[in-house]
PDB file of N, CA and C in Angstrom:
ATOM      1  N   MET A   1     -23.115 -29.654   8.555  1.00  0.00           N
ATOM      2  CA  MET A   1     -21.840 -28.965   8.472  1.00  0.00           C
ATOM      3  C   MET A   1     -20.716 -29.855   9.009  1.00  0.00           C
ATOM      4  N   LYS A   2     -21.010 -30.586  10.078  1.00  0.00           N
ATOM      5  CA  LYS A   2     -19.989 -31.468  10.641  1.00  0.00           C
ATOM      6  C   LYS A   2     -19.592 -32.546   9.642  1.00  0.00           C
ATOM      7  N   LYS A   3     -20.588 -33.042   8.880  1.00  0.00           N
ATOM      8  CA  LYS A   3     -20.296 -34.067   7.876  1.00  0.00           C
ATOM      9  C   LYS A   3     -19.316 -33.534   6.836  1.00  0.00           C
ATOM     10  N   ILE A   4     -19.550 -32.314   6.407  1.00  0.00           N
ATOM     11  CA  ILE A   4     -18.687 -31.708   5.384  1.00  0.00           C
ATOM     12  C   ILE A   4     -17.275 -31.538   5.925  1.00  0.00           C
ATOM     13  N   ILE A   5     -17.157 -31.060   7.142  1.00  0.00           N
ATOM     14  CA  ILE A   5     -15.837 -30.846   7.742  1.00  0.00           C
ATOM     15  C   ILE A   5     -15.096 -32.166   7.906  1.00  0.00           C
ATOM     16  N   HIS A   6     -15.790 -33.184   8.389  1.00  0.00           N
ATOM     17  CA  HIS A   6     -15.135 -34.488   8.551  1.00  0.00           C
ATOM     18  C   HIS A   6     -14.753 -35.085   7.202  1.00  0.00           C
ATOM     19  N   HIS A   7     -15.608 -34.872   6.201  1.00  0.00           N
ATOM     20  CA  HIS A   7     -15.290 -35.368   4.856  1.00  0.00           C
ATOM     21  C   HIS A   7     -14.043 -34.670   4.310  1.00  0.00           C
ATOM     22  N   LEU A   8     -13.941 -33.373   4.533  1.00  0.00           N
ATOM     23  CA  LEU A   8     -12.766 -32.631   4.057  1.00  0.00           C
ATOM     24  C   LEU A   8     -11.503 -33.054   4.794  1.00  0.00           C
ATOM     25  N   ARG A   9     -11.620 -33.317   6.068  1.00  0.00           N
ATOM     26  CA  ARG A   9     -10.449 -33.727   6.850  1.00  0.00           C
ATOM     27  C   ARG A   9      -9.912 -35.079   6.400  1.00  0.00           C
ATOM     28  N   ARG A  10     -10.774 -35.927   5.862  1.00  0.00           N
ATOM     29  CA  ARG A  10     -10.328 -37.240   5.404  1.00  0.00           C
ATOM     30  C   ARG A  10      -9.653 -37.179   4.041  1.00  0.00           C
ATOM     31  N   GLN A  11      -9.810 -36.064   3.343  1.00  0.00           N
ATOM     32  CA  GLN A  11      -9.204 -35.929   2.014  1.00  0.00           C
ATOM     33  C   GLN A  11      -7.694 -35.748   2.146  1.00  0.00           C
ATOM     34  N   PRO A  12      -6.955 -36.123   1.093  1.00  0.00           N
ATOM     35  CA  PRO A  12      -5.506 -35.873   1.111  1.00  0.00           C
ATOM     36  C   PRO A  12      -5.223 -34.363   1.130  1.00  0.00           C
ATOM     37  N   GLU A  13      -4.031 -34.024   1.564  1.00  0.00           N
ATOM     38  CA  GLU A  13      -3.684 -32.603   1.702  1.00  0.00           C
ATOM     39  C   GLU A  13      -3.761 -31.872   0.367  1.00  0.00           C
ATOM     40  N   GLU A  14      -3.377 -32.525  -0.704  1.00  0.00           N
ATOM     41  CA  GLU A  14      -3.407 -31.888  -2.020  1.00  0.00           C
ATOM     42  C   GLU A  14      -4.837 -31.490  -2.399  1.00  0.00           C
ATOM     43  N   VAL A  15      -5.788 -32.355  -2.137  1.00  0.00           N
ATOM     44  CA  VAL A  15      -7.190 -32.058  -2.441  1.00  0.00           C
ATOM     45  C   VAL A  15      -7.677 -30.905  -1.569  1.00  0.00           C
ATOM     46  N   ARG A  16      -7.309 -30.915  -0.301  1.00  0.00           N
ATOM     47  CA  ARG A  16      -7.714 -29.818   0.595  1.00  0.00           C
ATOM     48  C   ARG A  16      -7.132 -28.488   0.128  1.00  0.00           C
ATOM     49  N   ARG A  17      -5.891 -28.517  -0.366  1.00  0.00           N
ATOM     50  CA  ARG A  17      -5.285 -27.272  -0.876  1.00  0.00           C
ATOM     51  C   ARG A  17      -6.012 -26.780  -2.122  1.00  0.00           C
ATOM     52  N   HIS A  18      -6.395 -27.695  -2.999  1.00  0.00           N
ATOM     53  CA  HIS A  18      -7.148 -27.294  -4.193  1.00  0.00           C
ATOM     54  C   HIS A  18      -8.479 -26.658  -3.800  1.00  0.00           C
ATOM     55  N   ILE A  19      -9.149 -27.259  -2.845  1.00  0.00           N
ATOM     56  CA  ILE A  19     -10.421 -26.701  -2.372  1.00  0.00           C
ATOM     57  C   ILE A  19     -10.194 -25.322  -1.760  1.00  0.00           C
ATOM     58  N   LEU A  20      -9.131 -25.174  -0.994  1.00  0.00           N
ATOM     59  CA  LEU A  20      -8.800 -23.883  -0.389  1.00  0.00           C
ATOM     60  C   LEU A  20      -8.554 -22.824  -1.460  1.00  0.00           C
ATOM     61  N   HIS A  21      -7.785 -23.171  -2.488  1.00  0.00           N
ATOM     62  CA  HIS A  21      -7.488 -22.205  -3.550  1.00  0.00           C
ATOM     63  C   HIS A  21      -8.751 -21.813  -4.307  1.00  0.00           C
ATOM     64  N   ILE A  22      -9.604 -22.773  -4.568  1.00  0.00           N
ATOM     65  CA  ILE A  22     -10.855 -22.465  -5.266  1.00  0.00           C
ATOM     66  C   ILE A  22     -11.722 -21.535  -4.421  1.00  0.00           C
ATOM     67  N   LEU A  23     -11.825 -21.819  -3.134  1.00  0.00           N
ATOM     68  CA  LEU A  23     -12.627 -20.962  -2.253  1.00  0.00           C
ATOM     69  C   LEU A  23     -12.058 -19.549  -2.164  1.00  0.00           C
ATOM     70  N   ILE A  24     -10.742 -19.437  -2.112  1.00  0.00           N
ATOM     71  CA  ILE A  24     -10.109 -18.116  -2.048  1.00  0.00           C
ATOM     72  C   ILE A  24     -10.381 -17.334  -3.329  1.00  0.00           C
ATOM     73  N   LEU A  25     -10.271 -17.996  -4.483  1.00  0.00           N
ATOM     74  CA  LEU A  25     -10.538 -17.319  -5.754  1.00  0.00           C
ATOM     75  C   LEU A  25     -11.999 -16.879  -5.853  1.00  0.00           C
ATOM     76  N   MET A  26     -12.909 -17.725  -5.399  1.00  0.00           N
ATOM     77  CA  MET A  26     -14.325 -17.353  -5.426  1.00  0.00           C
ATOM     78  C   MET A  26     -14.592 -16.163  -4.507  1.00  0.00           C
ATOM     79  N   PHE A  27     -14.017 -16.172  -3.320  1.00  0.00           N
ATOM     80  CA  PHE A  27     -14.192 -15.070  -2.376  1.00  0.00           C
ATOM     81  C   PHE A  27     -13.600 -13.776  -2.948  1.00  0.00           C
ATOM     82  N   ALA A  28     -12.437 -13.868  -3.570  1.00  0.00           N
ATOM     83  CA  ALA A  28     -11.812 -12.688  -4.171  1.00  0.00           C
ATOM     84  C   ALA A  28     -12.674 -12.143  -5.307  1.00  0.00           C
ATOM     85  N   ALA A  29     -13.246 -13.024  -6.114  1.00  0.00           N
ATOM     86  CA  ALA A  29     -14.105 -12.582  -7.213  1.00  0.00           C
ATOM     87  C   ALA A  29     -15.331 -11.845  -6.677  1.00  0.00           C
ATOM     88  N   VAL A  30     -15.924 -12.370  -5.625  1.00  0.00           N
ATOM     89  CA  VAL A  30     -17.087 -11.707  -5.023  1.00  0.00           C
ATOM     90  C   VAL A  30     -16.691 -10.336  -4.486  1.00  0.00           C
ATOM     91  N   MET A  31     -15.551 -10.258  -3.823  1.00  0.00           N
ATOM     92  CA  MET A  31     -15.093  -8.972  -3.277  1.00  0.00           C
ATOM     93  C   MET A  31     -14.824  -7.963  -4.396  1.00  0.00           C
ATOM     94  N   ILE A  32     -14.211  -8.403  -5.487  1.00  0.00           N
ATOM     95  CA  ILE A  32     -13.918  -7.501  -6.607  1.00  0.00           C
ATOM     96  C   ILE A  32     -15.209  -7.018  -7.251  1.00  0.00           C
ATOM     97  N   ILE A  33     -16.171  -7.922  -7.416  1.00  0.00           N
ATOM     98  CA  ILE A  33     -17.454  -7.527  -8.003  1.00  0.00           C
ATOM     99  C   ILE A  33     -18.149  -6.496  -7.118  1.00  0.00           C
ATOM    100  N   LEU A  34     -18.176  -6.724  -5.819  1.00  0.00           N
ATOM    101  CA  LEU A  34     -18.781  -5.748  -4.904  1.00  0.00           C
ATOM    102  C   LEU A  34     -18.049  -4.414  -4.952  1.00  0.00           C
ATOM    103  N   TRP A  35     -16.723  -4.463  -5.039  1.00  0.00           N
ATOM    104  CA  TRP A  35     -15.933  -3.240  -5.094  1.00  0.00           C
ATOM    105  C   TRP A  35     -16.234  -2.459  -6.369  1.00  0.00           C
ATOM    106  N   VAL A  36     -16.345  -3.160  -7.511  1.00  0.00           N
ATOM    107  CA  VAL A  36     -16.620  -2.488  -8.783  1.00  0.00           C
ATOM    108  C   VAL A  36     -17.993  -1.827  -8.747  1.00  0.00           C
ATOM    109  N   PHE A  37     -18.984  -2.526  -8.222  1.00  0.00           N
ATOM    110  CA  PHE A  37     -20.317  -1.934  -8.150  1.00  0.00           C
ATOM    111  C   PHE A  37     -20.343  -0.718  -7.230  1.00  0.00           C
ATOM    112  N   SER A  38     -19.693  -0.786  -6.098  1.00  0.00           N
ATOM    113  CA  SER A  38     -19.684   0.362  -5.189  1.00  0.00           C
ATOM    114  C   SER A  38     -18.864   1.507  -5.763  1.00  0.00           C
ATOM    115  N   LEU A  39     -17.793   1.180  -6.482  1.00  0.00           N
ATOM    116  CA  LEU A  39     -16.981   2.217  -7.112  1.00  0.00           C
ATOM    117  C   LEU A  39     -17.786   2.931  -8.187  1.00  0.00           C
ATOM    118  N   GLY A  40     -18.557   2.176  -8.955  1.00  0.00           N
ATOM    119  CA  GLY A  40     -19.397   2.774  -9.991  1.00  0.00           C
ATOM    120  C   GLY A  40     -20.409   3.736  -9.410  1.00  0.00           C
ATOM    121  N   LYS A  41     -21.001   3.381  -8.295  1.00  0.00           N
ATOM    122  CA  LYS A  41     -21.968   4.274  -7.648  1.00  0.00           C
ATOM    123  C   LYS A  41     -21.288   5.546  -7.171  1.00  0.00           C
ATOM    124  N   ASN A  42     -20.104   5.418  -6.601  1.00  0.00           N
ATOM    125  CA  ASN A  42     -19.404   6.582  -6.067  1.00  0.00           C
ATOM    126  C   ASN A  42     -18.941   7.511  -7.175  1.00  0.00           C
ATOM    127  N   LEU A  43     -18.518   6.977  -8.307  1.00  0.00           N
ATOM    128  CA  LEU A  43     -18.015   7.818  -9.386  1.00  0.00           C
ATOM    129  C   LEU A  43     -19.132   8.517 -10.143  1.00  0.00           C
ATOM    130  N   VAL A  44     -20.354   8.008 -10.072  1.00  0.00           N
ATOM    131  CA  VAL A  44     -21.465   8.596 -10.798  1.00  0.00           C
ATOM    132  C   VAL A  44     -21.985   9.852 -10.104  1.00  0.00           C
ATOM    133  N   SER A  45     -21.851   9.938  -8.794  1.00  0.00           N
ATOM    134  CA  SER A  45     -22.421  11.079  -8.074  1.00  0.00           C
ATOM    135  C   SER A  45     -21.752  12.377  -8.523  1.00  0.00           C
ATOM    136  N   THR A  46     -22.552  13.437  -8.612  1.00  0.00           N
ATOM    137  CA  THR A  46     -22.044  14.716  -9.101  1.00  0.00           C
ATOM    138  C   THR A  46     -21.043  15.335  -8.138  1.00  0.00           C
ATOM    139  N   ASP A  47     -21.242  15.119  -6.844  1.00  0.00           N
ATOM    140  CA  ASP A  47     -20.294  15.657  -5.860  1.00  0.00           C
ATOM    141  C   ASP A  47     -18.904  15.072  -6.077  1.00  0.00           C
ATOM    142  N   THR A  48     -18.856  13.794  -6.349  1.00  0.00           N
ATOM    143  CA  THR A  48     -17.566  13.135  -6.567  1.00  0.00           C
ATOM    144  C   THR A  48     -16.908  13.647  -7.838  1.00  0.00           C
ATOM    145  N   GLN A  49     -17.696  13.845  -8.890  1.00  0.00           N
ATOM    146  CA  GLN A  49     -17.127  14.340 -10.143  1.00  0.00           C
ATOM    147  C   GLN A  49     -16.561  15.744  -9.974  1.00  0.00           C
ATOM    148  N   ILE A  50     -17.258  16.593  -9.238  1.00  0.00           N
ATOM    149  CA  ILE A  50     -16.764  17.950  -8.993  1.00  0.00           C
ATOM    150  C   ILE A  50     -15.482  17.901  -8.170  1.00  0.00           C
ATOM    151  N   LYS A  51     -15.464  17.061  -7.147  1.00  0.00           N
ATOM    152  CA  LYS A  51     -14.275  16.942  -6.300  1.00  0.00           C
ATOM    153  C   LYS A  51     -13.095  16.402  -7.099  1.00  0.00           C
ATOM    154  N   MET A  52     -13.348  15.448  -7.996  1.00  0.00           N
ATOM    155  CA  MET A  52     -12.260  14.896  -8.817  1.00  0.00           C
ATOM    156  C   MET A  52     -11.670  15.972  -9.727  1.00  0.00           C
ATOM    157  N   LYS A  53     -12.523  16.811 -10.306  1.00  0.00           N
ATOM    158  CA  LYS A  53     -12.025  17.879 -11.171  1.00  0.00           C
ATOM    159  C   LYS A  53     -11.167  18.860 -10.380  1.00  0.00           C
ATOM    160  N   GLU A  54     -11.600  19.181  -9.157  1.00  0.00           N
ATOM    161  CA  GLU A  54     -10.823  20.096  -8.319  1.00  0.00           C
ATOM    162  C   GLU A  54      -9.499  19.469  -7.897  1.00  0.00           C
ATOM    163  N   ASP A  55      -9.520  18.171  -7.610  1.00  0.00           N
ATOM    164  CA  ASP A  55      -8.296  17.485  -7.192  1.00  0.00           C
ATOM    165  C   ASP A  55      -7.304  17.352  -8.337  1.00  0.00           C
ATOM    166  N   LEU A  56      -7.785  17.298  -9.568  1.00  0.00           N
ATOM    167  CA  LEU A  56      -6.897  17.106 -10.713  1.00  0.00           C
ATOM    168  C   LEU A  56      -6.295  18.410 -11.229  1.00  0.00           C
ATOM    169  N   LYS A  57      -6.784  19.556 -10.790  1.00  0.00           N
ATOM    170  CA  LYS A  57      -6.256  20.834 -11.273  1.00  0.00           C
ATOM    171  C   LYS A  57      -4.754  20.983 -11.035  1.00  0.00           C
ATOM    172  N   PRO A  58      -4.227  20.666  -9.856  1.00  0.00           N
ATOM    173  CA  PRO A  58      -2.776  20.804  -9.671  1.00  0.00           C
ATOM    174  C   PRO A  58      -1.976  19.905 -10.610  1.00  0.00           C
ATOM    175  N   PHE A  59      -2.498  18.725 -10.910  1.00  0.00           N
ATOM    176  CA  PHE A  59      -1.789  17.828 -11.819  1.00  0.00           C
ATOM    177  C   PHE A  59      -1.814  18.362 -13.248  1.00  0.00           C
ATOM    178  N   THR A  60      -2.905  19.034 -13.620  1.00  0.00           N
ATOM    179  CA  THR A  60      -2.981  19.641 -14.943  1.00  0.00           C
ATOM    180  C   THR A  60      -1.948  20.754 -15.059  1.00  0.00           C
ATOM    181  N   VAL A  61      -1.832  21.564 -14.028  1.00  0.00           N
ATOM    182  CA  VAL A  61      -0.838  22.639 -14.021  1.00  0.00           C
ATOM    183  C   VAL A  61       0.570  22.053 -14.088  1.00  0.00           C
ATOM    184  N   LEU A  62       0.824  21.006 -13.331  1.00  0.00           N
ATOM    185  CA  LEU A  62       2.133  20.355 -13.344  1.00  0.00           C
ATOM    186  C   LEU A  62       2.451  19.808 -14.730  1.00  0.00           C
ATOM    187  N   LYS A  63       1.468  19.156 -15.349  1.00  0.00           N
ATOM    188  CA  LYS A  63       1.670  18.612 -16.698  1.00  0.00           C
ATOM    189  C   LYS A  63       1.980  19.734 -17.685  1.00  0.00           C
ATOM    190  N   ASP A  64       1.224  20.830 -17.602  1.00  0.00           N
ATOM    191  CA  ASP A  64       1.462  21.957 -18.504  1.00  0.00           C
ATOM    192  C   ASP A  64       2.864  22.530 -18.306  1.00  0.00           C
ATOM    193  N   ASN A  65       3.308  22.644 -17.060  1.00  0.00           N
ATOM    194  CA  ASN A  65       4.654  23.150 -16.788  1.00  0.00           C
ATOM    195  C   ASN A  65       5.721  22.221 -17.345  1.00  0.00           C
ATOM    196  N   ILE A  66       5.524  20.926 -17.216  1.00  0.00           N
ATOM    197  CA  ILE A  66       6.501  19.968 -17.744  1.00  0.00           C
ATOM    198  C   ILE A  66       6.558  20.051 -19.263  1.00  0.00           C
ATOM    199  N   VAL A  67       5.386  20.134 -19.903  1.00  0.00           N
ATOM    200  CA  VAL A  67       5.349  20.227 -21.366  1.00  0.00           C
ATOM    201  C   VAL A  67       6.008  21.522 -21.825  1.00  0.00           C
ATOM    202  N   ASP A  68       5.696  22.640 -21.165  1.00  0.00           N
ATOM    203  CA  ASP A  68       6.313  23.917 -21.531  1.00  0.00           C
ATOM    204  C   ASP A  68       7.823  23.878 -21.330  1.00  0.00           C
ATOM    205  N   GLY A  69       8.270  23.283 -20.239  1.00  0.00           N
ATOM    206  CA  GLY A  69       9.708  23.169 -19.993  1.00  0.00           C
ATOM    207  C   GLY A  69      10.383  22.325 -21.053  1.00  0.00           C
ATOM    208  N   TYR A  70       9.748  21.238 -21.455  1.00  0.00           N
ATOM    209  CA  TYR A  70      10.314  20.377 -22.498  1.00  0.00           C
ATOM    210  C   TYR A  70      10.387  21.119 -23.825  1.00  0.00           C
ATOM    211  N   LYS A  71       9.326  21.866 -24.148  1.00  0.00           N
ATOM    212  CA  LYS A  71       9.311  22.619 -25.405  1.00  0.00           C
ATOM    213  C   LYS A  71      10.399  23.686 -25.400  1.00  0.00           C
ATOM    214  N   SER A  72      10.566  24.374 -24.270  1.00  0.00           N
ATOM    215  CA  SER A  72      11.568  25.439 -24.219  1.00  0.00           C
ATOM    216  C   SER A  72      12.978  24.866 -24.323  1.00  0.00           C
ATOM    217  N   THR A  73      13.228  23.700 -23.727  1.00  0.00           N
ATOM    218  CA  THR A  73      14.565  23.111 -23.840  1.00  0.00           C
ATOM    219  C   THR A  73      14.808  22.583 -25.241  1.00  0.00           C
ATOM    220  N   SER A  74      13.779  22.041 -25.885  1.00  0.00           N
ATOM    221  CA  SER A  74      13.980  21.539 -27.244  1.00  0.00           C
ATOM    222  C   SER A  74      14.158  22.694 -28.221  1.00  0.00           C
ATOM    223  N   GLU A  75      13.524  23.853 -27.966  1.00  0.00           N
ATOM    224  CA  GLU A  75      13.705  25.020 -28.826  1.00  0.00           C
ATOM    225  C   GLU A  75      15.124  25.564 -28.696  1.00  0.00           C
ATOM    226  N   THR A  76      15.648  25.617 -27.473  1.00  0.00           N
ATOM    227  CA  THR A  76      17.004  26.127 -27.291  1.00  0.00           C
ATOM    228  C   THR A  76      18.022  25.146 -27.852  1.00  0.00           C
ATOM    229  N   ASP A  77      17.762  23.858 -27.769  1.00  0.00           N
ATOM    230  CA  ASP A  77      18.675  22.867 -28.330  1.00  0.00           C
ATOM    231  C   ASP A  77      18.726  22.967 -29.846  1.00  0.00           C
ATOM    232  N   SER A  78      17.589  23.199 -30.501  1.00  0.00           N
ATOM    233  CA  SER A  78      17.575  23.281 -31.958  1.00  0.00           C
ATOM    234  C   SER A  78      18.253  24.560 -32.432  1.00  0.00           C
ATOM    235  N   SER A  79      18.162  25.652 -31.678  1.00  0.00           N
ATOM    236  CA  SER A  79      18.823  26.890 -32.082  1.00  0.00           C
ATOM    237  C   SER A  79      20.328  26.790 -31.871  1.00  0.00           C
ATOM    238  N   VAL A  80      20.780  26.012 -30.902  1.00  0.00           N
ATOM    239  CA  VAL A  80      22.200  25.833 -30.648  1.00  0.00           C
ATOM    240  C   VAL A  80      22.821  24.986 -31.747  1.00  0.00           C
ATOM    241  N   VAL A  81      22.101  24.001 -32.233  1.00  0.00           N
ATOM    242  CA  VAL A  81      22.616  23.100 -33.263  1.00  0.00           C
ATOM    243  C   VAL A  81      22.788  23.834 -34.573  1.00  0.00           C
ATOM    244  N   GLU A  82      21.906  24.762 -34.894  1.00  0.00           N
ATOM    245  CA  GLU A  82      21.977  25.490 -36.157  1.00  0.00           C
ATOM    246  C   GLU A  82      23.132  26.420 -36.092  1.00  0.00           C
TER     247      GLU A  82
END
């Protein structure tokens, strides 16, 4: 390990920065892959699916209210134009 560190220290700064960027990208890729696999496991469980459906109910109601409000305003606008 000491050999590697001393070898890296002797490299120009530009080379060290390239090595740093490559290592950061590799570490980020590993973290994203682990996150995707753990997310997949969590989303598959039935408890999570039930909880997601319950959590989305208020948003469904909100969406329906917005759509109904838009329809009612467009209906009144078309009757005013005629």
